[in-house]
């Protein structure tokens, strides 16, 4: 049972690493396609990689609310 679970998790990890490598190489594939004359596919891949990079940046740099000034917090009216 433990060996089966370990093998299953190992397969999942290999698939995840494979997909991560594909995503990291997406801009390389896009430039290669543009260079070979496949402009539509190359620009599509380039826009997908740009959108993915923007999404990752937006998730990791989420806007935080600015703290209220201390005087406004202490004022009770």
PDB file of N, CA and C in Angstrom:
ATOM      1  N   UNK A   1       0.823  -1.198   0.000  1.00  0.00           N
ATOM      2  CA  UNK A   1       0.000   0.000   0.000  1.00  0.00           C
ATOM      3  C   UNK A   1       0.875   1.274   0.000  1.00  0.00           C
ATOM      4  N   UNK A   2       1.889   1.278   0.861  1.00  0.00           N
ATOM      5  CA  UNK A   2       2.759   2.450   0.944  1.00  0.00           C
ATOM      6  C   UNK A   2       3.554   2.620  -0.342  1.00  0.00           C
ATOM      7  N   UNK A   3       3.967   1.517  -0.928  1.00  0.00           N
ATOM      8  CA  UNK A   3       4.699   1.595  -2.196  1.00  0.00           C
ATOM      9  C   UNK A   3       3.828   2.119  -3.327  1.00  0.00           C
ATOM     10  N   UNK A   4       2.558   1.732  -3.326  1.00  0.00           N
ATOM     11  CA  UNK A   4       1.629   2.209  -4.348  1.00  0.00           C
ATOM     12  C   UNK A   4       1.415   3.710  -4.229  1.00  0.00           C
ATOM     13  N   UNK A   5       1.248   4.176  -2.997  1.00  0.00           N
ATOM     14  CA  UNK A   5       1.055   5.615  -2.768  1.00  0.00           C
ATOM     15  C   UNK A   5       2.315   6.398  -3.149  1.00  0.00           C
ATOM     16  N   UNK A   6       3.461   5.853  -2.807  1.00  0.00           N
ATOM     17  CA  UNK A   6       4.727   6.522  -3.138  1.00  0.00           C
ATOM     18  C   UNK A   6       4.902   6.617  -4.652  1.00  0.00           C
ATOM     19  N   UNK A   7       4.586   5.533  -5.349  1.00  0.00           N
ATOM     20  CA  UNK A   7       4.699   5.538  -6.813  1.00  0.00           C
ATOM     21  C   UNK A   7       3.719   6.536  -7.427  1.00  0.00           C
ATOM     22  N   UNK A   8       2.507   6.588  -6.902  1.00  0.00           N
ATOM     23  CA  UNK A   8       1.504   7.525  -7.409  1.00  0.00           C
ATOM     24  C   UNK A   8       1.953   8.968  -7.200  1.00  0.00           C
ATOM     25  N   UNK A   9       2.463   9.272  -6.019  1.00  0.00           N
ATOM     26  CA  UNK A   9       2.944  10.627  -5.741  1.00  0.00           C
ATOM     27  C   UNK A   9       4.167  10.973  -6.596  1.00  0.00           C
ATOM     28  N   UNK A  10       5.023   9.990  -6.840  1.00  0.00           N
ATOM     29  CA  UNK A  10       6.190  10.228  -7.695  1.00  0.00           C
ATOM     30  C   UNK A  10       5.759  10.549  -9.125  1.00  0.00           C
ATOM     31  N   UNK A  11       4.765   9.836  -9.617  1.00  0.00           N
ATOM     32  CA  UNK A  11       4.259  10.104 -10.969  1.00  0.00           C
ATOM     33  C   UNK A  11       3.657  11.502 -11.036  1.00  0.00           C
ATOM     34  N   UNK A  12       2.881  11.889 -10.030  1.00  0.00           N
ATOM     35  CA  UNK A  12       2.303  13.226 -10.002  1.00  0.00           C
ATOM     36  C   UNK A  12       3.388  14.302  -9.971  1.00  0.00           C
ATOM     37  N   UNK A  13       4.445  14.049  -9.211  1.00  0.00           N
ATOM     38  CA  UNK A  13       5.523  15.027  -9.128  1.00  0.00           C
ATOM     39  C   UNK A  13       6.243  15.158 -10.468  1.00  0.00           C
ATOM     40  N   UNK A  14       6.470  14.062 -11.145  1.00  0.00           N
ATOM     41  CA  UNK A  14       7.124  14.107 -12.456  1.00  0.00           C
ATOM     42  C   UNK A  14       6.261  14.872 -13.454  1.00  0.00           C
ATOM     43  N   UNK A  15       4.955  14.632 -13.429  1.00  0.00           N
ATOM     44  CA  UNK A  15       4.062  15.348 -14.348  1.00  0.00           C
ATOM     45  C   UNK A  15       4.034  16.843 -14.036  1.00  0.00           C
ATOM     46  N   UNK A  16       4.036  17.181 -12.755  1.00  0.00           N
ATOM     47  CA  UNK A  16       4.040  18.599 -12.382  1.00  0.00           C
ATOM     48  C   UNK A  16       5.333  19.278 -12.818  1.00  0.00           C
ATOM     49  N   UNK A  17       6.461  18.618 -12.623  1.00  0.00           N
ATOM     50  CA  UNK A  17       7.736  19.197 -13.045  1.00  0.00           C
ATOM     51  C   UNK A  17       7.810  19.332 -14.561  1.00  0.00           C
ATOM     52  N   UNK A  18       7.242  18.375 -15.271  1.00  0.00           N
ATOM     53  CA  UNK A  18       7.227  18.430 -16.733  1.00  0.00           C
ATOM     54  C   UNK A  18       6.406  19.623 -17.214  1.00  0.00           C
ATOM     55  N   UNK A  19       5.242  19.834 -16.600  1.00  0.00           N
ATOM     56  CA  UNK A  19       4.408  20.971 -16.988  1.00  0.00           C
ATOM     57  C   UNK A  19       5.075  22.294 -16.622  1.00  0.00           C
ATOM     58  N   UNK A  20       5.775  22.323 -15.500  1.00  0.00           N
ATOM     59  CA  UNK A  20       6.485  23.532 -15.098  1.00  0.00           C
ATOM     60  C   UNK A  20       7.594  23.866 -16.095  1.00  0.00           C
ATOM     61  N   UNK A  21       8.299  22.844 -16.554  1.00  0.00           N
ATOM     62  CA  UNK A  21       9.354  23.058 -17.543  1.00  0.00           C
ATOM     63  C   UNK A  21       8.770  23.554 -18.865  1.00  0.00           C
ATOM     64  N   UNK A  22       7.626  23.009 -19.259  1.00  0.00           N
ATOM     65  CA  UNK A  22       6.979  23.473 -20.493  1.00  0.00           C
ATOM     66  C   UNK A  22       6.571  24.935 -20.368  1.00  0.00           C
ATOM     67  N   UNK A  23       6.035  25.305 -19.221  1.00  0.00           N
ATOM     68  CA  UNK A  23       5.613  26.686 -19.030  1.00  0.00           C
ATOM     69  C   UNK A  23       6.807  27.636 -19.038  1.00  0.00           C
ATOM     70  N   UNK A  24       7.928  27.196 -18.481  1.00  0.00           N
ATOM     71  CA  UNK A  24       9.113  28.044 -18.457  1.00  0.00           C
ATOM     72  C   UNK A  24       9.699  28.219 -19.860  1.00  0.00           C
ATOM     73  N   UNK A  25       9.526  27.226 -20.717  1.00  0.00           N
ATOM     74  CA  UNK A  25      10.072  27.297 -22.074  1.00  0.00           C
ATOM     75  C   UNK A  25       9.101  27.886 -23.091  1.00  0.00           C
ATOM     76  N   UNK A  26       7.930  28.291 -22.660  1.00  0.00           N
ATOM     77  CA  UNK A  26       6.925  28.812 -23.585  1.00  0.00           C
ATOM     78  C   UNK A  26       7.417  30.010 -24.390  1.00  0.00           C
ATOM     79  N   UNK A  27       8.095  30.997 -23.781  1.00  0.00           N
ATOM     80  CA  UNK A  27       8.601  32.101 -24.610  1.00  0.00           C
ATOM     81  C   UNK A  27       9.635  31.655 -25.647  1.00  0.00           C
ATOM     82  N   UNK A  28      10.413  30.650 -25.310  1.00  0.00           N
ATOM     83  CA  UNK A  28      11.403  30.129 -26.265  1.00  0.00           C
ATOM     84  C   UNK A  28      10.696  29.518 -27.470  1.00  0.00           C
ATOM     85  N   UNK A  29       9.645  28.743 -27.218  1.00  0.00           N
ATOM     86  CA  UNK A  29       8.872  28.166 -28.315  1.00  0.00           C
ATOM     87  C   UNK A  29       8.216  29.257 -29.155  1.00  0.00           C
ATOM     88  N   UNK A  30       7.759  30.322 -28.506  1.00  0.00           N
ATOM     89  CA  UNK A  30       7.095  31.406 -29.228  1.00  0.00           C
ATOM     90  C   UNK A  30       8.063  32.100 -30.176  1.00  0.00           C
ATOM     91  N   UNK A  31       9.243  32.410 -29.693  1.00  0.00           N
ATOM     92  CA  UNK A  31      10.239  33.067 -30.548  1.00  0.00           C
ATOM     93  C   UNK A  31      10.660  32.141 -31.684  1.00  0.00           C
ATOM     94  N   UNK A  32      10.793  30.870 -31.413  1.00  0.00           N
ATOM     95  CA  UNK A  32      11.151  29.906 -32.458  1.00  0.00           C
ATOM     96  C   UNK A  32      10.079  29.859 -33.545  1.00  0.00           C
ATOM     97  N   UNK A  33       8.801  29.853 -33.118  1.00  0.00           N
ATOM     98  CA  UNK A  33       7.721  29.811 -34.102  1.00  0.00           C
ATOM     99  C   UNK A  33       7.678  31.085 -34.938  1.00  0.00           C
ATOM    100  N   UNK A  34       7.884  32.245 -34.308  1.00  0.00           N
ATOM    101  CA  UNK A  34       7.898  33.502 -35.057  1.00  0.00           C
ATOM    102  C   UNK A  34       9.051  33.493 -36.057  1.00  0.00           C
ATOM    103  N   UNK A  35      10.192  32.995 -35.628  1.00  0.00           N
ATOM    104  CA  UNK A  35      11.359  32.946 -36.519  1.00  0.00           C
ATOM    105  C   UNK A  35      11.113  32.033 -37.714  1.00  0.00           C
ATOM    106  N   UNK A  36      10.337  30.979 -37.504  1.00  0.00           N
ATOM    107  CA  UNK A  36      10.057  30.031 -38.599  1.00  0.00           C
ATOM    108  C   UNK A  36       8.890  30.463 -39.471  1.00  0.00           C
ATOM    109  N   UNK A  37       8.295  31.605 -39.165  1.00  0.00           N
ATOM    110  CA  UNK A  37       7.218  32.105 -40.010  1.00  0.00           C
ATOM    111  C   UNK A  37       5.827  31.786 -39.529  1.00  0.00           C
ATOM    112  N   UNK A  38       5.703  31.104 -38.409  1.00  0.00           N
ATOM    113  CA  UNK A  38       4.377  30.804 -37.850  1.00  0.00           C
ATOM    114  C   UNK A  38       4.014  31.931 -36.882  1.00  0.00           C
ATOM    115  N   UNK A  39       3.613  33.058 -37.456  1.00  0.00           N
ATOM    116  CA  UNK A  39       3.430  34.270 -36.657  1.00  0.00           C
ATOM    117  C   UNK A  39       2.239  34.172 -35.712  1.00  0.00           C
ATOM    118  N   UNK A  40       1.132  33.615 -36.196  1.00  0.00           N
ATOM    119  CA  UNK A  40      -0.072  33.553 -35.362  1.00  0.00           C
ATOM    120  C   UNK A  40       0.176  32.690 -34.119  1.00  0.00           C
ATOM    121  N   UNK A  41       0.757  31.523 -34.340  1.00  0.00           N
ATOM    122  CA  UNK A  41       1.012  30.642 -33.204  1.00  0.00           C
ATOM    123  C   UNK A  41       2.065  31.242 -32.266  1.00  0.00           C
ATOM    124  N   UNK A  42       3.106  31.839 -32.832  1.00  0.00           N
ATOM    125  CA  UNK A  42       4.151  32.439 -32.014  1.00  0.00           C
ATOM    126  C   UNK A  42       3.639  33.587 -31.166  1.00  0.00           C
ATOM    127  N   UNK A  43       2.832  34.454 -31.782  1.00  0.00           N
ATOM    128  CA  UNK A  43       2.275  35.574 -31.023  1.00  0.00           C
ATOM    129  C   UNK A  43       1.285  35.092 -29.968  1.00  0.00           C
ATOM    130  N   UNK A  44       0.536  34.037 -30.293  1.00  0.00           N
ATOM    131  CA  UNK A  44      -0.385  33.474 -29.303  1.00  0.00           C
ATOM    132  C   UNK A  44       0.380  32.922 -28.104  1.00  0.00           C
ATOM    133  N   UNK A  45       1.440  32.165 -28.357  1.00  0.00           N
ATOM    134  CA  UNK A  45       2.236  31.612 -27.262  1.00  0.00           C
ATOM    135  C   UNK A  45       2.903  32.724 -26.452  1.00  0.00           C
ATOM    136  N   UNK A  46       3.363  33.753 -27.149  1.00  0.00           N
ATOM    137  CA  UNK A  46       4.000  34.872 -26.458  1.00  0.00           C
ATOM    138  C   UNK A  46       2.996  35.610 -25.574  1.00  0.00           C
ATOM    139  N   UNK A  47       1.784  35.784 -26.066  1.00  0.00           N
ATOM    140  CA  UNK A  47       0.766  36.452 -25.250  1.00  0.00           C
ATOM    141  C   UNK A  47       0.357  35.576 -24.065  1.00  0.00           C
ATOM    142  N   UNK A  48       0.318  34.264 -24.260  1.00  0.00           N
ATOM    143  CA  UNK A  48      -0.005  33.361 -23.147  1.00  0.00           C
ATOM    144  C   UNK A  48       1.068  33.428 -22.065  1.00  0.00           C
ATOM    145  N   UNK A  49       2.325  33.462 -22.471  1.00  0.00           N
ATOM    146  CA  UNK A  49       3.394  33.524 -21.473  1.00  0.00           C
ATOM    147  C   UNK A  49       3.390  34.872 -20.769  1.00  0.00           C
ATOM    148  N   UNK A  50       3.091  35.939 -21.496  1.00  0.00           N
ATOM    149  CA  UNK A  50       2.990  37.247 -20.862  1.00  0.00           C
ATOM    150  C   UNK A  50       1.836  37.313 -19.875  1.00  0.00           C
ATOM    151  N   UNK A  51       0.705  36.733 -20.242  1.00  0.00           N
ATOM    152  CA  UNK A  51      -0.448  36.706 -19.343  1.00  0.00           C
ATOM    153  C   UNK A  51      -0.149  35.881 -18.096  1.00  0.00           C
ATOM    154  N   UNK A  52       0.550  34.771 -18.271  1.00  0.00           N
ATOM    155  CA  UNK A  52       0.914  33.943 -17.122  1.00  0.00           C
ATOM    156  C   UNK A  52       1.876  34.678 -16.200  1.00  0.00           C
ATOM    157  N   UNK A  53       2.847  35.380 -16.771  1.00  0.00           N
ATOM    158  CA  UNK A  53       3.789  36.139 -15.948  1.00  0.00           C
ATOM    159  C   UNK A  53       3.075  37.263 -15.203  1.00  0.00           C
ATOM    160  N   UNK A  54       2.162  37.946 -15.874  1.00  0.00           N
ATOM    161  CA  UNK A  54       1.417  39.030 -15.230  1.00  0.00           C
ATOM    162  C   UNK A  54       0.533  38.491 -14.104  1.00  0.00           C
ATOM    163  N   UNK A  55      -0.083  37.329 -14.328  1.00  0.00           N
ATOM    164  CA  UNK A  55      -0.926  36.722 -13.299  1.00  0.00           C
ATOM    165  C   UNK A  55      -0.102  36.333 -12.084  1.00  0.00           C
ATOM    166  N   UNK A  56       1.059  35.718 -12.308  1.00  0.00           N
ATOM    167  CA  UNK A  56       1.917  35.351 -11.177  1.00  0.00           C
ATOM    168  C   UNK A  56       2.380  36.586 -10.415  1.00  0.00           C
ATOM    169  N   UNK A  57       2.723  37.650 -11.127  1.00  0.00           N
ATOM    170  CA  UNK A  57       3.150  38.881 -10.464  1.00  0.00           C
ATOM    171  C   UNK A  57       2.003  39.479  -9.661  1.00  0.00           C
ATOM    172  N   UNK A  58       0.805  39.470 -10.234  1.00  0.00           N
ATOM    173  CA  UNK A  58      -0.347  40.049  -9.546  1.00  0.00           C
ATOM    174  C   UNK A  58      -0.696  39.254  -8.289  1.00  0.00           C
ATOM    175  N   UNK A  59      -0.547  37.945  -8.342  1.00  0.00           N
ATOM    176  CA  UNK A  59      -0.862  37.123  -7.169  1.00  0.00           C
ATOM    177  C   UNK A  59       0.172  37.330  -6.075  1.00  0.00           C
ATOM    178  N   UNK A  60       1.428  37.429  -6.449  1.00  0.00           N
ATOM    179  CA  UNK A  60       2.476  37.550  -5.436  1.00  0.00           C
ATOM    180  C   UNK A  60       2.640  38.975  -4.938  1.00  0.00           C
ATOM    181  N   UNK A  61       2.141  39.966  -5.673  1.00  0.00           N
ATOM    182  CA  UNK A  61       2.255  41.361  -5.259  1.00  0.00           C
ATOM    183  C   UNK A  61       0.869  41.961  -5.064  1.00  0.00           C
ATOM    184  N   UNK A  62       0.063  41.297  -4.283  1.00  0.00           N
ATOM    185  CA  UNK A  62      -1.298  41.793  -4.076  1.00  0.00           C
ATOM    186  C   UNK A  62      -1.259  43.108  -3.298  1.00  0.00           C
ATOM    187  N   UNK A  63      -2.188  43.985  -3.632  1.00  0.00           N
ATOM    188  CA  UNK A  63      -2.228  45.304  -2.989  1.00  0.00           C
ATOM    189  C   UNK A  63      -2.709  45.166  -1.552  1.00  0.00           C
ATOM    190  N   UNK A  64      -2.004  45.819  -0.664  1.00  0.00           N
ATOM    191  CA  UNK A  64      -2.407  45.808   0.743  1.00  0.00           C
ATOM    192  C   UNK A  64      -3.065  47.137   1.062  1.00  0.00           C
ATOM    193  N   UNK A  65      -4.103  47.119   1.899  1.00  0.00           N
ATOM    194  CA  UNK A  65      -4.724  48.393   2.259  1.00  0.00           C
ATOM    195  C   UNK A  65      -3.777  49.236   3.100  1.00  0.00           C
ATOM    196  N   UNK A  66      -3.765  50.529   2.815  1.00  0.00           N
ATOM    197  CA  UNK A  66      -2.884  51.416   3.559  1.00  0.00           C
ATOM    198  C   UNK A  66      -3.429  51.597   4.967  1.00  0.00           C
ATOM    199  N   UNK A  67      -2.571  51.577   5.966  1.00  0.00           N
ATOM    200  CA  UNK A  67      -3.063  51.771   7.331  1.00  0.00           C
ATOM    201  C   UNK A  67      -3.541  53.204   7.546  1.00  0.00           C
ATOM    202  N   UNK A  68      -4.541  53.340   8.376  1.00  0.00           N
ATOM    203  CA  UNK A  68      -5.067  54.660   8.691  1.00  0.00           C
ATOM    204  C   UNK A  68      -4.061  55.404   9.585  1.00  0.00           C
ATOM    205  N   UNK A  69      -4.024  56.713   9.482  1.00  0.00           N
ATOM    206  CA  UNK A  69      -3.121  57.464  10.374  1.00  0.00           C
ATOM    207  C   UNK A  69      -3.494  57.242  11.836  1.00  0.00           C
ATOM    208  N   UNK A  70      -2.499  57.331  12.706  1.00  0.00           N
ATOM    209  CA  UNK A  70      -2.729  57.044  14.123  1.00  0.00           C
ATOM    210  C   UNK A  70      -3.726  58.025  14.711  1.00  0.00           C
ATOM    211  N   UNK A  71      -3.663  59.285  14.317  1.00  0.00           N
ATOM    212  CA  UNK A  71      -4.590  60.267  14.868  1.00  0.00           C
ATOM    213  C   UNK A  71      -6.026  59.937  14.500  1.00  0.00           C
ATOM    214  N   UNK A  72      -6.267  59.432  13.306  1.00  0.00           N
ATOM    215  CA  UNK A  72      -7.619  59.087  12.892  1.00  0.00           C
ATOM    216  C   UNK A  72      -8.118  57.867  13.656  1.00  0.00           C
ATOM    217  N   UNK A  73      -7.225  56.970  13.985  1.00  0.00           N
ATOM    218  CA  UNK A  73      -7.643  55.761  14.715  1.00  0.00           C
ATOM    219  C   UNK A  73      -7.981  56.129  16.157  1.00  0.00           C
ATOM    220  N   UNK A  74      -7.210  57.040  16.750  1.00  0.00           N
ATOM    221  CA  UNK A  74      -7.415  57.366  18.165  1.00  0.00           C
ATOM    222  C   UNK A  74      -8.552  58.362  18.369  1.00  0.00           C
ATOM    223  N   UNK A  75      -8.940  59.083  17.365  1.00  0.00           N
ATOM    224  CA  UNK A  75      -9.999  60.077  17.508  1.00  0.00           C
ATOM    225  C   UNK A  75     -11.344  59.377  17.630  1.00  0.00           C
ATOM    226  N   UNK A  76     -12.097  59.674  18.660  1.00  0.00           N
ATOM    227  CA  UNK A  76     -13.379  58.996  18.883  1.00  0.00           C
ATOM    228  C   UNK A  76     -14.568  59.900  18.608  1.00  0.00           C
ATOM    229  N   UNK A  77     -14.330  61.138  18.321  1.00  0.00           N
ATOM    230  CA  UNK A  77     -15.368  61.996  17.857  1.00  0.00           C
ATOM    231  C   UNK A  77     -16.110  62.805  18.837  1.00  0.00           C
TER     232      UNK A  77
END
